Amino acid sequence: MTPDTPTPSARPPRARPAARRRLLAALMSLAPLAAVPAAWAAAPDGRAIETYIDYCGALLGLNWNASQRAELRRQAASYWTDGNPEGIRTVLGAADAWQRLQSTPQALRDTALRMSRPDVLLSLQQAAARGDRDSRWLLDRYHEQNRPLAPGKPDGLPLTREMVEARLGVQHFLATEIHRQPAPVPDAATVEASVRSAIAVHPTLTAAQQVELARQPGELARLRYGWARASAADRLLARAETGARLSAAEQAQVQQVMAGLNAQLAGLQAQQQSMLASSMQSMRQNSEIIMGRGTVWNPATNRWEQQGGIVTEFNGVVRVP
């Protein structure tokens, strides 16, 4: 990616401190504020700025090239040169947060960052709509890597291919891991048909529905992370809570597990189960809004079907809309 980054001489005038503060709040909602050293105005903290740049990239899922890092470095250094204590606190807080996150297992860290991305994008989008140039710059860099396929509403988000592919991924996960159906991975034709359908439908969704769709990559990451670490009992409970068909032996096992679950509530197993159950509940609640009329795996016909045909609900019941 080689964005057309303006040179300092050609760049529009800097955003006012108030606008810059909005950008900082948008980006750093996950970072605690750090205390500003007494000599904060002496010189920019180069080490903290580099860590801040890394944190911004992680929040947006972007790898900065040299020119992009230089632009972000200029933006962050201006908080010192412009005498902006709030901006300095944000950079230092972000640097501290990113350093502490390094002790978190990478898979968990990546999952959490993926789940938080829609909220970061919404905050940047709102700040950019108010005229903040730095927020607009970050959004432009994000959309260079994630091209919008259909516009979003003011409080929603534009459609990207990643959203559609993640929605199919969640459906495939539910079909194969929860309902244990022999659903194949959607092929290229199925994916393209789903993309075309999503492009046509996205402008008609409410802002909340668009945001829910934007959360599908994070939900898929959370499902995969939790499922890979779940015990056999965790997985069985998840299937039971989402309405999957269980054998008589499995139903008896669920009853046994539930009887002893109170003793496990403080342990990792309960935490994993909570993650899985909340994900499944979210998918079930939004099945009509997001997935109920998209491309779905239909075990009755043993194939993927587009909207307007037979729809398979999460409880395994096949119905005609």
C-alpha atoms as a PDB file:
ATOM      1  CA  MET A   1       0.000   0.000   0.000  1.00  0.00           C
ATOM      2  CA  THR A   2       1.419   3.386  -1.021  1.00  0.00           C
ATOM      3  CA  PRO A   3      -1.009   6.080   0.099  1.00  0.00           C
ATOM      4  CA  ASP A   4      -0.689   9.563  -1.231  1.00  0.00           C
ATOM      5  CA  THR A   5       0.513  11.130   2.023  1.00  0.00           C
ATOM      6  CA  PRO A   6       0.717  14.937   1.692  1.00  0.00           C
ATOM      7  CA  THR A   7       4.044  16.574   2.385  1.00  0.00           C
ATOM      8  CA  PRO A   8       4.133  18.955   5.378  1.00  0.00           C
ATOM      9  CA  SER A   9       4.138  21.926   3.053  1.00  0.00           C
ATOM     10  CA  ALA A  10       1.098  20.728   1.097  1.00  0.00           C
ATOM     11  CA  ARG A  11      -0.836  19.429   4.086  1.00  0.00           C
ATOM     12  CA  PRO A  12      -3.945  21.431   5.098  1.00  0.00           C
ATOM     13  CA  PRO A  13      -3.708  23.421   8.339  1.00  0.00           C
ATOM     14  CA  ARG A  14      -3.565  21.303  11.472  1.00  0.00           C
ATOM     15  CA  ALA A  15      -6.796  20.430  13.223  1.00  0.00           C
ATOM     16  CA  ARG A  16      -7.588  22.594  16.217  1.00  0.00           C
ATOM     17  CA  PRO A  17      -6.719  21.140  19.646  1.00  0.00           C
ATOM     18  CA  ALA A  18     -10.407  20.403  20.300  1.00  0.00           C
ATOM     19  CA  ALA A  19     -10.671  18.357  17.119  1.00  0.00           C
ATOM     20  CA  ARG A  20      -7.428  16.605  17.948  1.00  0.00           C
ATOM     21  CA  ARG A  21      -8.792  15.694  21.352  1.00  0.00           C
ATOM     22  CA  ARG A  22     -11.769  14.049  19.660  1.00  0.00           C
ATOM     23  CA  LEU A  23      -9.385  11.928  17.599  1.00  0.00           C
ATOM     24  CA  LEU A  24      -7.489  10.912  20.704  1.00  0.00           C
ATOM     25  CA  ALA A  25     -10.661   9.891  22.473  1.00  0.00           C
ATOM     26  CA  ALA A  26     -11.701   7.913  19.405  1.00  0.00           C
ATOM     27  CA  LEU A  27      -8.468   5.955  19.173  1.00  0.00           C
ATOM     28  CA  MET A  28      -7.573   5.491  22.782  1.00  0.00           C
ATOM     29  CA  SER A  29     -10.790   4.365  24.416  1.00  0.00           C
ATOM     30  CA  LEU A  30      -8.999   1.165  25.422  1.00  0.00           C
ATOM     31  CA  ALA A  31      -5.934   2.896  26.887  1.00  0.00           C
ATOM     32  CA  PRO A  32      -5.676   4.301  30.417  1.00  0.00           C
ATOM     33  CA  LEU A  33      -4.447   7.854  30.755  1.00  0.00           C
ATOM     34  CA  ALA A  34      -0.919   8.202  32.045  1.00  0.00           C
ATOM     35  CA  ALA A  35       0.384  10.953  34.256  1.00  0.00           C
ATOM     36  CA  VAL A  36       2.168  13.717  32.370  1.00  0.00           C
ATOM     37  CA  PRO A  37       5.723  14.281  33.635  1.00  0.00           C
ATOM     38  CA  ALA A  38       6.444  17.723  35.026  1.00  0.00           C
ATOM     39  CA  ALA A  39       8.862  18.382  32.170  1.00  0.00           C
ATOM     40  CA  TRP A  40       6.367  17.279  29.524  1.00  0.00           C
ATOM     41  CA  ALA A  41       7.052  20.294  27.318  1.00  0.00           C
ATOM     42  CA  ALA A  42      10.782  19.634  27.078  1.00  0.00           C
ATOM     43  CA  ALA A  43      10.719  17.312  24.046  1.00  0.00           C
ATOM     44  CA  PRO A  44       8.524  14.663  22.434  1.00  0.00           C
ATOM     45  CA  ASP A  45       8.885  11.198  23.923  1.00  0.00           C
ATOM     46  CA  GLY A  46      10.146   9.367  20.848  1.00  0.00           C
ATOM     47  CA  ARG A  47       9.949   5.912  22.375  1.00  0.00           C
ATOM     48  CA  ALA A  48       6.365   6.375  23.527  1.00  0.00           C
ATOM     49  CA  ILE A  49       5.395   7.788  20.134  1.00  0.00           C
ATOM     50  CA  GLU A  50       6.724   4.706  18.335  1.00  0.00           C
ATOM     51  CA  THR A  51       4.763   2.452  20.681  1.00  0.00           C
ATOM     52  CA  TYR A  52       1.671   4.622  20.191  1.00  0.00           C
ATOM     53  CA  ILE A  53       2.019   4.153  16.423  1.00  0.00           C
ATOM     54  CA  ASP A  54       2.215   0.382  16.887  1.00  0.00           C
ATOM     55  CA  TYR A  55      -0.913   0.481  19.051  1.00  0.00           C
ATOM     56  CA  CYS A  56      -2.863   2.456  16.441  1.00  0.00           C
ATOM     57  CA  GLY A  57      -1.885  -0.097  13.817  1.00  0.00           C
ATOM     58  CA  ALA A  58      -2.974  -2.972  16.042  1.00  0.00           C
ATOM     59  CA  LEU A  59      -6.338  -1.336  16.763  1.00  0.00           C
ATOM     60  CA  LEU A  60      -7.036  -0.953  13.042  1.00  0.00           C
ATOM     61  CA  GLY A  61      -5.345  -4.158  11.902  1.00  0.00           C
ATOM     62  CA  LEU A  62      -2.882  -2.259   9.694  1.00  0.00           C
ATOM     63  CA  ASN A  63       0.850  -2.559   9.085  1.00  0.00           C
ATOM     64  CA  TRP A  64       2.239   0.945   8.563  1.00  0.00           C
ATOM     65  CA  ASN A  65       4.775   1.603   5.846  1.00  0.00           C
ATOM     66  CA  ALA A  66       7.627   4.078   6.336  1.00  0.00           C
ATOM     67  CA  SER A  67       5.761   7.136   5.039  1.00  0.00           C
ATOM     68  CA  GLN A  68       2.683   6.347   7.116  1.00  0.00           C
ATOM     69  CA  ARG A  69       4.749   5.937  10.272  1.00  0.00           C
ATOM     70  CA  ALA A  70       6.393   9.280   9.533  1.00  0.00           C
ATOM     71  CA  GLU A  71       2.985  10.968   9.272  1.00  0.00           C
ATOM     72  CA  LEU A  72       1.747   9.411  12.513  1.00  0.00           C
ATOM     73  CA  ARG A  73       5.013  10.411  14.160  1.00  0.00           C
ATOM     74  CA  ARG A  74       4.475  14.003  13.056  1.00  0.00           C
ATOM     75  CA  GLN A  75       0.907  13.991  14.379  1.00  0.00           C
ATOM     76  CA  ALA A  76       1.924  12.624  17.783  1.00  0.00           C
ATOM     77  CA  ALA A  77       4.951  14.916  18.125  1.00  0.00           C
ATOM     78  CA  SER A  78       2.699  17.920  17.533  1.00  0.00           C
ATOM     79  CA  TYR A  79       1.018  17.263  20.888  1.00  0.00           C
ATOM     80  CA  TRP A  80       4.276  18.256  22.532  1.00  0.00           C
ATOM     81  CA  THR A  81       5.131  21.131  20.209  1.00  0.00           C
ATOM     82  CA  ASP A  82       1.578  22.537  20.451  1.00  0.00           C
ATOM     83  CA  GLY A  83       1.505  22.219  24.239  1.00  0.00           C
ATOM     84  CA  ASN A  84      -1.375  19.726  24.375  1.00  0.00           C
ATOM     85  CA  PRO A  85      -1.267  17.926  27.767  1.00  0.00           C
ATOM     86  CA  GLU A  86      -4.296  15.794  26.937  1.00  0.00           C
ATOM     87  CA  GLY A  87      -2.677  14.595  23.730  1.00  0.00           C
ATOM     88  CA  ILE A  88       0.526  13.792  25.587  1.00  0.00           C
ATOM     89  CA  ARG A  89      -1.376  11.812  28.209  1.00  0.00           C
ATOM     90  CA  THR A  90      -3.101   9.854  25.459  1.00  0.00           C
ATOM     91  CA  VAL A  91       0.162   8.938  23.720  1.00  0.00           C
ATOM     92  CA  LEU A  92       1.783   7.926  27.004  1.00  0.00           C
ATOM     93  CA  GLY A  93      -1.314   5.997  28.100  1.00  0.00           C
ATOM     94  CA  ALA A  94      -1.528   4.162  24.790  1.00  0.00           C
ATOM     95  CA  ALA A  95       2.161   3.293  24.961  1.00  0.00           C
ATOM     96  CA  ASP A  96       1.728   1.941  28.484  1.00  0.00           C
ATOM     97  CA  ALA A  97      -1.356  -0.076  27.487  1.00  0.00           C
ATOM     98  CA  TRP A  98       0.404  -1.609  24.487  1.00  0.00           C
ATOM     99  CA  GLN A  99       3.435  -2.537  26.581  1.00  0.00           C
ATOM    100  CA  ARG A 100       1.214  -4.273  29.134  1.00  0.00           C
ATOM    101  CA  LEU A 101      -0.706  -6.076  26.403  1.00  0.00           C
ATOM    102  CA  GLN A 102       2.509  -7.737  25.290  1.00  0.00           C
ATOM    103  CA  SER A 103       2.249 -10.053  28.303  1.00  0.00           C
ATOM    104  CA  THR A 104      -1.148 -11.279  27.043  1.00  0.00           C
ATOM    105  CA  PRO A 105      -1.076 -14.370  24.794  1.00  0.00           C
ATOM    106  CA  GLN A 106      -1.027 -13.197  21.195  1.00  0.00           C
ATOM    107  CA  ALA A 107      -4.104 -15.180  20.155  1.00  0.00           C
ATOM    108  CA  LEU A 108      -6.173 -13.612  22.934  1.00  0.00           C
ATOM    109  CA  ARG A 109      -4.768 -10.144  22.218  1.00  0.00           C
ATOM    110  CA  ASP A 110      -5.534 -10.434  18.509  1.00  0.00           C
ATOM    111  CA  THR A 111      -9.068 -11.629  19.246  1.00  0.00           C
ATOM    112  CA  ALA A 112      -9.749  -8.741  21.617  1.00  0.00           C
ATOM    113  CA  LEU A 113      -8.408  -6.198  19.128  1.00  0.00           C
ATOM    114  CA  ARG A 114     -10.517  -7.672  16.327  1.00  0.00           C
ATOM    115  CA  MET A 115     -13.626  -7.504  18.518  1.00  0.00           C
ATOM    116  CA  SER A 116     -12.993  -3.845  19.414  1.00  0.00           C
ATOM    117  CA  ARG A 117     -12.372  -2.661  15.836  1.00  0.00           C
ATOM    118  CA  PRO A 118     -15.965  -1.643  14.938  1.00  0.00           C
ATOM    119  CA  ASP A 119     -16.082   0.648  17.985  1.00  0.00           C
ATOM    120  CA  VAL A 120     -12.756   2.229  17.035  1.00  0.00           C
ATOM    121  CA  LEU A 121     -13.992   2.773  13.467  1.00  0.00           C
ATOM    122  CA  LEU A 122     -17.252   4.295  14.677  1.00  0.00           C
ATOM    123  CA  SER A 123     -15.397   6.757  16.901  1.00  0.00           C
ATOM    124  CA  LEU A 124     -13.003   7.718  14.111  1.00  0.00           C
ATOM    125  CA  GLN A 125     -15.897   8.093  11.697  1.00  0.00           C
ATOM    126  CA  GLN A 126     -17.751  10.406  14.068  1.00  0.00           C
ATOM    127  CA  ALA A 127     -14.650  12.525  14.659  1.00  0.00           C
ATOM    128  CA  ALA A 128     -13.962  12.724  10.923  1.00  0.00           C
ATOM    129  CA  ALA A 129     -17.554  13.840  10.302  1.00  0.00           C
ATOM    130  CA  ARG A 130     -16.906  16.728  12.675  1.00  0.00           C
ATOM    131  CA  GLY A 131     -13.954  17.794  10.563  1.00  0.00           C
ATOM    132  CA  ASP A 132     -11.009  16.117  12.262  1.00  0.00           C
ATOM    133  CA  ARG A 133      -8.345  15.650   9.581  1.00  0.00           C
ATOM    134  CA  ASP A 134      -6.258  13.109  11.451  1.00  0.00           C
ATOM    135  CA  SER A 135      -9.284  10.857  11.952  1.00  0.00           C
ATOM    136  CA  ARG A 136     -10.071  11.134   8.253  1.00  0.00           C
ATOM    137  CA  TRP A 137      -6.466  10.219   7.447  1.00  0.00           C
ATOM    138  CA  LEU A 138      -6.686   7.075   9.578  1.00  0.00           C
ATOM    139  CA  LEU A 139     -10.020   6.072   8.050  1.00  0.00           C
ATOM    140  CA  ASP A 140      -8.638   6.559   4.560  1.00  0.00           C
ATOM    141  CA  ARG A 141      -5.702   4.293   5.376  1.00  0.00           C
ATOM    142  CA  TYR A 142      -8.077   1.681   6.782  1.00  0.00           C
ATOM    143  CA  HIS A 143     -10.335   1.773   3.732  1.00  0.00           C
ATOM    144  CA  GLU A 144      -7.390   1.440   1.385  1.00  0.00           C
ATOM    145  CA  GLN A 145      -6.958  -2.033   2.850  1.00  0.00           C
ATOM    146  CA  ASN A 146     -10.678  -2.692   3.413  1.00  0.00           C
ATOM    147  CA  ARG A 147     -12.474  -1.202   0.414  1.00  0.00           C
ATOM    148  CA  PRO A 148     -16.082  -0.169   1.140  1.00  0.00           C
ATOM    149  CA  LEU A 149     -18.527  -2.073  -1.079  1.00  0.00           C
ATOM    150  CA  ALA A 150     -21.645  -0.176   0.021  1.00  0.00           C
ATOM    151  CA  PRO A 151     -22.002   3.018   2.066  1.00  0.00           C
ATOM    152  CA  GLY A 152     -22.940   3.044   5.711  1.00  0.00           C
ATOM    153  CA  LYS A 153     -25.401   5.261   7.511  1.00  0.00           C
ATOM    154  CA  PRO A 154     -24.078   8.114   9.707  1.00  0.00           C
ATOM    155  CA  ASP A 155     -24.144   5.937  12.826  1.00  0.00           C
ATOM    156  CA  GLY A 156     -23.514   2.716  10.911  1.00  0.00           C
ATOM    157  CA  LEU A 157     -20.509   1.381   9.008  1.00  0.00           C
ATOM    158  CA  PRO A 158     -19.869   0.727   5.315  1.00  0.00           C
ATOM    159  CA  LEU A 159     -19.899  -2.822   4.014  1.00  0.00           C
ATOM    160  CA  THR A 160     -16.584  -4.583   3.403  1.00  0.00           C
ATOM    161  CA  ARG A 161     -15.802  -7.976   1.947  1.00  0.00           C
ATOM    162  CA  GLU A 162     -14.390  -9.084   5.290  1.00  0.00           C
ATOM    163  CA  MET A 163     -17.830  -8.645   6.873  1.00  0.00           C
ATOM    164  CA  VAL A 164     -19.507 -10.886   4.291  1.00  0.00           C
ATOM    165  CA  GLU A 165     -16.827 -13.566   4.488  1.00  0.00           C
ATOM    166  CA  ALA A 166     -16.958 -13.514   8.286  1.00  0.00           C
ATOM    167  CA  ARG A 167     -20.753 -13.857   8.251  1.00  0.00           C
ATOM    168  CA  LEU A 168     -20.392 -16.957   6.057  1.00  0.00           C
ATOM    169  CA  GLY A 169     -17.655 -18.179   8.383  1.00  0.00           C
ATOM    170  CA  VAL A 170     -19.959 -17.881  11.403  1.00  0.00           C
ATOM    171  CA  GLN A 171     -22.711 -19.730   9.550  1.00  0.00           C
ATOM    172  CA  HIS A 172     -20.284 -22.483   8.539  1.00  0.00           C
ATOM    173  CA  PHE A 173     -19.067 -22.746  12.143  1.00  0.00           C
ATOM    174  CA  LEU A 174     -22.615 -23.059  13.452  1.00  0.00           C
ATOM    175  CA  ALA A 175     -23.530 -25.647  10.825  1.00  0.00           C
ATOM    176  CA  THR A 176     -20.449 -27.838  11.302  1.00  0.00           C
ATOM    177  CA  GLU A 177     -19.417 -27.390  14.952  1.00  0.00           C
ATOM    178  CA  ILE A 178     -22.762 -26.727  16.653  1.00  0.00           C
ATOM    179  CA  HIS A 179     -25.278 -28.640  14.493  1.00  0.00           C
ATOM    180  CA  ARG A 180     -22.621 -31.099  13.235  1.00  0.00           C
ATOM    181  CA  GLN A 181     -23.868 -30.978   9.653  1.00  0.00           C
ATOM    182  CA  PRO A 182     -21.519 -31.926   6.783  1.00  0.00           C
ATOM    183  CA  ALA A 183     -21.599 -28.413   5.322  1.00  0.00           C
ATOM    184  CA  PRO A 184     -18.755 -27.686   2.903  1.00  0.00           C
ATOM    185  CA  VAL A 185     -16.750 -24.491   3.099  1.00  0.00           C
ATOM    186  CA  PRO A 186     -18.520 -21.936   0.857  1.00  0.00           C
ATOM    187  CA  ASP A 187     -16.880 -21.945  -2.552  1.00  0.00           C
ATOM    188  CA  ALA A 188     -15.917 -18.872  -4.581  1.00  0.00           C
ATOM    189  CA  ALA A 189     -19.267 -18.742  -6.387  1.00  0.00           C
ATOM    190  CA  THR A 190     -21.174 -18.848  -3.097  1.00  0.00           C
ATOM    191  CA  VAL A 191     -18.996 -16.100  -1.629  1.00  0.00           C
ATOM    192  CA  GLU A 192     -19.440 -13.851  -4.668  1.00  0.00           C
ATOM    193  CA  ALA A 193     -23.208 -14.376  -4.671  1.00  0.00           C
ATOM    194  CA  SER A 194     -23.311 -13.483  -0.988  1.00  0.00           C
ATOM    195  CA  VAL A 195     -21.210 -10.357  -1.625  1.00  0.00           C
ATOM    196  CA  ARG A 196     -23.582  -9.203  -4.369  1.00  0.00           C
ATOM    197  CA  SER A 197     -26.593  -9.788  -2.147  1.00  0.00           C
ATOM    198  CA  ALA A 198     -24.989  -7.918   0.758  1.00  0.00           C
ATOM    199  CA  ILE A 199     -24.152  -4.938  -1.467  1.00  0.00           C
ATOM    200  CA  ALA A 200     -27.799  -4.676  -2.499  1.00  0.00           C
ATOM    201  CA  VAL A 201     -29.151  -5.078   1.045  1.00  0.00           C
ATOM    202  CA  HIS A 202     -26.642  -3.045   3.080  1.00  0.00           C
ATOM    203  CA  PRO A 203     -28.079   0.435   2.313  1.00  0.00           C
ATOM    204  CA  THR A 204     -31.482  -0.753   3.546  1.00  0.00           C
ATOM    205  CA  LEU A 205     -30.175  -1.915   6.937  1.00  0.00           C
ATOM    206  CA  THR A 206     -30.474   0.280   9.985  1.00  0.00           C
ATOM    207  CA  ALA A 207     -27.299   1.736  11.464  1.00  0.00           C
ATOM    208  CA  ALA A 208     -27.468  -0.805  14.303  1.00  0.00           C
ATOM    209  CA  GLN A 209     -27.785  -3.681  11.826  1.00  0.00           C
ATOM    210  CA  GLN A 210     -24.787  -2.401   9.859  1.00  0.00           C
ATOM    211  CA  VAL A 211     -22.714  -2.253  13.032  1.00  0.00           C
ATOM    212  CA  GLU A 212     -23.829  -5.758  13.998  1.00  0.00           C
ATOM    213  CA  LEU A 213     -22.688  -6.997  10.609  1.00  0.00           C
ATOM    214  CA  ALA A 214     -19.358  -5.210  11.135  1.00  0.00           C
ATOM    215  CA  ARG A 215     -18.944  -7.191  14.361  1.00  0.00           C
ATOM    216  CA  GLN A 216     -19.018 -10.530  12.515  1.00  0.00           C
ATOM    217  CA  PRO A 217     -15.206 -10.745  12.058  1.00  0.00           C
ATOM    218  CA  GLY A 218     -14.771 -10.234  15.800  1.00  0.00           C
ATOM    219  CA  GLU A 219     -17.506 -12.738  16.623  1.00  0.00           C
ATOM    220  CA  LEU A 220     -15.909 -15.322  14.337  1.00  0.00           C
ATOM    221  CA  ALA A 221     -12.515 -14.729  15.962  1.00  0.00           C
ATOM    222  CA  ARG A 222     -14.075 -15.092  19.416  1.00  0.00           C
ATOM    223  CA  LEU A 223     -15.890 -18.308  18.475  1.00  0.00           C
ATOM    224  CA  ARG A 224     -12.722 -19.856  17.052  1.00  0.00           C
ATOM    225  CA  TYR A 225     -10.609 -18.770  20.014  1.00  0.00           C
ATOM    226  CA  GLY A 226     -13.024 -20.110  22.607  1.00  0.00           C
ATOM    227  CA  TRP A 227     -13.863 -23.309  20.724  1.00  0.00           C
ATOM    228  CA  ALA A 228     -10.215 -24.271  20.259  1.00  0.00           C
ATOM    229  CA  ARG A 229      -9.689 -24.017  24.038  1.00  0.00           C
ATOM    230  CA  ALA A 230     -13.006 -25.479  25.153  1.00  0.00           C
ATOM    231  CA  SER A 231     -13.257 -28.892  26.762  1.00  0.00           C
ATOM    232  CA  ALA A 232     -15.627 -31.547  25.444  1.00  0.00           C
ATOM    233  CA  ALA A 233     -18.077 -30.580  28.199  1.00  0.00           C
ATOM    234  CA  ASP A 234     -17.868 -26.899  27.212  1.00  0.00           C
ATOM    235  CA  ARG A 235     -18.671 -27.749  23.617  1.00  0.00           C
ATOM    236  CA  LEU A 236     -21.571 -29.968  24.575  1.00  0.00           C
ATOM    237  CA  LEU A 237     -23.039 -27.225  26.759  1.00  0.00           C
ATOM    238  CA  ALA A 238     -22.686 -24.718  23.926  1.00  0.00           C
ATOM    239  CA  ARG A 239     -24.555 -27.062  21.597  1.00  0.00           C
ATOM    240  CA  ALA A 240     -27.286 -27.567  24.184  1.00  0.00           C
ATOM    241  CA  GLU A 241     -27.696 -23.823  24.804  1.00  0.00           C
ATOM    242  CA  THR A 242     -27.987 -23.039  21.098  1.00  0.00           C
ATOM    243  CA  GLY A 243     -30.601 -25.672  20.340  1.00  0.00           C
ATOM    244  CA  ALA A 244     -28.504 -28.304  18.584  1.00  0.00           C
ATOM    245  CA  ARG A 245     -29.849 -31.846  18.524  1.00  0.00           C
ATOM    246  CA  LEU A 246     -28.286 -34.047  21.200  1.00  0.00           C
ATOM    247  CA  SER A 247     -28.404 -37.789  21.679  1.00  0.00           C
ATOM    248  CA  ALA A 248     -29.937 -39.249  24.837  1.00  0.00           C
ATOM    249  CA  ALA A 249     -26.456 -39.922  26.196  1.00  0.00           C
ATOM    250  CA  GLU A 250     -25.384 -36.330  25.483  1.00  0.00           C
ATOM    251  CA  GLN A 251     -28.499 -34.955  27.174  1.00  0.00           C
ATOM    252  CA  ALA A 252     -27.681 -36.986  30.271  1.00  0.00           C
ATOM    253  CA  GLN A 253     -24.117 -35.705  30.184  1.00  0.00           C
ATOM    254  CA  VAL A 254     -25.375 -32.112  29.963  1.00  0.00           C
ATOM    255  CA  GLN A 255     -27.482 -32.672  33.063  1.00  0.00           C
ATOM    256  CA  GLN A 256     -24.474 -34.049  34.917  1.00  0.00           C
ATOM    257  CA  VAL A 257     -22.287 -31.133  33.875  1.00  0.00           C
ATOM    258  CA  MET A 258     -24.941 -28.583  34.810  1.00  0.00           C
ATOM    259  CA  ALA A 259     -25.317 -30.190  38.241  1.00  0.00           C
ATOM    260  CA  GLY A 260     -21.651 -29.590  38.972  1.00  0.00           C
ATOM    261  CA  LEU A 261     -21.280 -26.278  37.164  1.00  0.00           C
ATOM    262  CA  ASN A 262     -21.682 -24.094  40.250  1.00  0.00           C
ATOM    263  CA  ALA A 263     -18.424 -25.460  41.617  1.00  0.00           C
ATOM    264  CA  GLN A 264     -16.623 -24.400  38.437  1.00  0.00           C
ATOM    265  CA  LEU A 265     -17.940 -20.849  38.070  1.00  0.00           C
ATOM    266  CA  ALA A 266     -14.688 -19.267  39.229  1.00  0.00           C
ATOM    267  CA  GLY A 267     -12.524 -21.348  36.898  1.00  0.00           C
ATOM    268  CA  LEU A 268     -11.330 -21.047  33.348  1.00  0.00           C
ATOM    269  CA  GLN A 269     -13.862 -23.555  32.056  1.00  0.00           C
ATOM    270  CA  ALA A 270     -16.752 -21.326  33.146  1.00  0.00           C
ATOM    271  CA  GLN A 271     -15.063 -18.309  31.554  1.00  0.00           C
ATOM    272  CA  GLN A 272     -14.689 -20.160  28.270  1.00  0.00           C
ATOM    273  CA  GLN A 273     -18.279 -21.350  28.437  1.00  0.00           C
ATOM    274  CA  SER A 274     -19.447 -17.792  29.080  1.00  0.00           C
ATOM    275  CA  MET A 275     -17.558 -16.612  25.999  1.00  0.00           C
ATOM    276  CA  LEU A 276     -19.050 -19.350  23.856  1.00  0.00           C
ATOM    277  CA  ALA A 277     -22.573 -18.960  25.201  1.00  0.00           C
ATOM    278  CA  SER A 278     -22.588 -15.190  24.732  1.00  0.00           C
ATOM    279  CA  SER A 279     -21.362 -15.585  21.175  1.00  0.00           C
ATOM    280  CA  MET A 280     -24.016 -18.154  20.393  1.00  0.00           C
ATOM    281  CA  GLN A 281     -26.714 -16.029  22.009  1.00  0.00           C
ATOM    282  CA  SER A 282     -25.626 -13.041  19.951  1.00  0.00           C
ATOM    283  CA  MET A 283     -25.770 -15.094  16.769  1.00  0.00           C
ATOM    284  CA  ARG A 284     -29.202 -16.463  17.659  1.00  0.00           C
ATOM    285  CA  GLN A 285     -30.659 -13.051  18.540  1.00  0.00           C
ATOM    286  CA  ASN A 286     -29.491 -11.570  15.258  1.00  0.00           C
ATOM    287  CA  SER A 287     -30.311 -14.519  13.017  1.00  0.00           C
ATOM    288  CA  GLU A 288     -33.247 -12.750  11.371  1.00  0.00           C
ATOM    289  CA  ILE A 289     -31.532  -9.378  11.134  1.00  0.00           C
ATOM    290  CA  ILE A 290     -28.166 -10.490   9.831  1.00  0.00           C
ATOM    291  CA  MET A 291     -28.108 -14.112   8.798  1.00  0.00           C
ATOM    292  CA  GLY A 292     -31.642 -15.362   8.495  1.00  0.00           C
ATOM    293  CA  ARG A 293     -32.090 -14.103   4.954  1.00  0.00           C
ATOM    294  CA  GLY A 294     -28.563 -14.347   3.604  1.00  0.00           C
ATOM    295  CA  THR A 295     -26.660 -17.323   2.212  1.00  0.00           C
ATOM    296  CA  VAL A 296     -27.213 -20.257   4.598  1.00  0.00           C
ATOM    297  CA  TRP A 297     -26.393 -23.965   4.730  1.00  0.00           C
ATOM    298  CA  ASN A 298     -29.603 -25.973   4.447  1.00  0.00           C
ATOM    299  CA  PRO A 299     -29.228 -29.523   5.805  1.00  0.00           C
ATOM    300  CA  ALA A 300     -32.610 -30.446   4.292  1.00  0.00           C
ATOM    301  CA  THR A 301     -31.244 -30.000   0.757  1.00  0.00           C
ATOM    302  CA  ASN A 302     -27.561 -30.517   1.656  1.00  0.00           C
ATOM    303  CA  ARG A 303     -26.443 -27.285  -0.011  1.00  0.00           C
ATOM    304  CA  TRP A 304     -25.833 -23.562   0.467  1.00  0.00           C
ATOM    305  CA  GLU A 305     -28.900 -21.501  -0.505  1.00  0.00           C
ATOM    306  CA  GLN A 306     -29.390 -17.815  -1.230  1.00  0.00           C
ATOM    307  CA  GLN A 307     -32.063 -15.604   0.353  1.00  0.00           C
ATOM    308  CA  GLY A 308     -35.619 -16.132  -0.773  1.00  0.00           C
ATOM    309  CA  GLY A 309     -35.460 -19.924  -0.471  1.00  0.00           C
ATOM    310  CA  ILE A 310     -35.552 -22.267   2.513  1.00  0.00           C
ATOM    311  CA  VAL A 311     -34.044 -20.821   5.684  1.00  0.00           C
ATOM    312  CA  THR A 312     -32.498 -22.990   8.411  1.00  0.00           C
ATOM    313  CA  GLU A 313     -32.846 -21.525  11.894  1.00  0.00           C
ATOM    314  CA  PHE A 314     -30.351 -22.171  14.663  1.00  0.00           C
ATOM    315  CA  ASN A 315     -32.621 -24.742  16.335  1.00  0.00           C
ATOM    316  CA  GLY A 316     -32.391 -26.927  13.259  1.00  0.00           C
ATOM    317  CA  VAL A 317     -36.018 -26.390  12.190  1.00  0.00           C
ATOM    318  CA  VAL A 318     -36.447 -25.761   8.485  1.00  0.00           C
ATOM    319  CA  ARG A 319     -39.156 -23.299   7.529  1.00  0.00           C
ATOM    320  CA  VAL A 320     -40.264 -21.394   4.440  1.00  0.00           C
ATOM    321  CA  PRO A 321     -40.424 -17.570   4.905  1.00  0.00           C
END
